[in-house]
Amino acid sequence: MLKKILFHILGALLILAGWALCVTAVGLDRGAVAFYYFTKTNILGLVLIFSGAYLPEIATFLIDRKS
């Protein structure tokens, strides 16, 4: 049970980190350079968000499978 809670907290932290990275990258690039939707930092932020969203489910599946 504690492992599942920790994986959910880790997933939430990954989602927050990805969101913060995307928002910061867009805010810093706004007006300085031509605007692009898909930059390296935005793609990295989206990867963090998606991995944070699916990490608890995958970890829970793997933990339950071992039991």
Protein backbone atom coordinates (compact mmCIF):
# COMPACT_ATOMS: atom_id res chain seq x y z
CA MET A 1 0.00 0.00 0.00
CA LEU A 2 2.80 2.40 0.89
CA LYS A 3 4.55 1.66 -2.42
CA LYS A 4 1.39 2.56 -4.33
CA ILE A 5 1.09 5.86 -2.47
CA LEU A 6 4.72 6.67 -3.17
CA PHE A 7 4.30 5.95 -6.88
CA HIS A 8 1.25 8.22 -6.99
CA ILE A 9 3.18 11.00 -5.27
CA LEU A 10 6.08 10.50 -7.68
CA GLY A 11 3.66 10.62 -10.60
CA ALA A 12 2.15 13.86 -9.34
CA LEU A 13 5.60 15.37 -8.94
CA LEU A 14 6.50 14.39 -12.50
CA ILE A 15 3.29 15.98 -13.77
CA LEU A 16 4.02 19.20 -11.87
CA ALA A 17 7.62 19.27 -13.09
CA GLY A 18 6.52 18.78 -16.70
CA TRP A 19 3.90 21.48 -16.38
CA ALA A 20 6.38 23.91 -14.82
CA LEU A 21 8.92 23.17 -17.55
CA CYS A 22 6.40 23.81 -20.33
CA VAL A 23 5.06 27.00 -18.75
CA THR A 24 8.55 28.34 -18.07
CA ALA A 25 9.78 27.52 -21.56
CA VAL A 26 6.81 29.20 -23.22
CA GLY A 27 7.07 32.22 -20.93
CA LEU A 28 10.78 32.69 -21.55
CA ASP A 29 10.50 32.22 -25.31
CA ARG A 30 7.50 34.52 -25.72
CA GLY A 31 8.55 37.52 -27.78
CA ALA A 32 12.24 36.61 -27.81
CA VAL A 33 12.14 34.22 -30.75
CA ALA A 34 9.59 33.06 -33.28
CA PHE A 35 6.95 30.99 -31.48
CA TYR A 36 6.92 27.24 -32.06
CA TYR A 37 4.51 24.82 -30.43
CA PHE A 38 6.91 21.90 -30.37
CA THR A 39 10.30 22.80 -29.00
CA LYS A 40 12.67 20.43 -27.23
CA THR A 41 11.71 21.76 -23.82
CA ASN A 42 7.99 21.49 -24.52
CA ILE A 43 8.35 17.93 -25.75
CA LEU A 44 10.42 17.07 -22.66
CA GLY A 45 7.71 18.63 -20.49
CA LEU A 46 5.01 16.60 -22.24
CA VAL A 47 7.04 13.42 -21.78
CA LEU A 48 7.30 14.20 -18.06
CA ILE A 49 3.56 14.81 -17.87
CA PHE A 50 2.67 11.58 -19.67
CA SER A 51 5.16 9.50 -17.71
CA GLY A 52 3.82 10.96 -14.47
CA ALA A 53 0.28 10.17 -15.54
CA TYR A 54 0.96 6.53 -16.39
CA LEU A 55 3.68 5.68 -13.85
CA PRO A 56 1.28 4.86 -10.98
CA GLU A 57 -0.79 2.55 -13.16
CA ILE A 58 2.21 0.68 -14.53
CA ALA A 59 3.85 0.41 -11.10
CA THR A 60 0.62 -0.81 -9.51
CA PHE A 61 0.23 -3.43 -12.22
CA LEU A 62 3.80 -4.65 -11.72
CA ILE A 63 3.48 -4.71 -7.93
CA ASP A 64 0.20 -6.65 -8.08
CA ARG A 65 1.66 -9.09 -10.59
CA LYS A 66 4.55 -9.96 -8.26
CA SER A 67 2.17 -10.61 -5.35
